[in-house]
């Protein structure tokens, strides 16, 4: 049961970076991106607090929120790195001269390492939340993450004129 809960939470969290990263547009400045990310995280935290009926001023509530903030900050750094790597790959693809195989291999290796770091961060967050939350609260946390993902998807589809991108 515990393994199933962890896998379910991991699956829910796995989609968050792609959804948040898709919010980045080439014309965004760093401050606009930071503001958008901050709003997304505030919405996520509010949903978690509401779903868990968490007293954010209690010692336990503060510990949970501190853990969420810590992992959120690390998550954001990895997303920024991933975005920079993507831009580098995009520039390589459109460059007049083809980059060397070593350069492409290096950037691809950095991309894989970023992905690995991201997955390890997700697992560490799950383990930390499992330490802080009761089993019943862990289920509520899954519900909170799903609610956040659903609302984010809904907002993104509204932004694109209701047209859904990609396969269903």
Foldseek 3Di string as FASTA:
>chain_A
DVVVLLVLLLVLVVCVLVLLLVVDDPPDDPVNSVVSLVVLLVLLVVLLCVLLVAPCVDPLNVLLVVLSVVLSVVLVVLSVVLVVLVVVVVCQVPDPDHDDPVVVVVSVVVNVVSVVVNSVSSSVSSVSVPVSDDPVSSVSSSVSSVVSVVVSQVVVCVVVVVDDDDDD
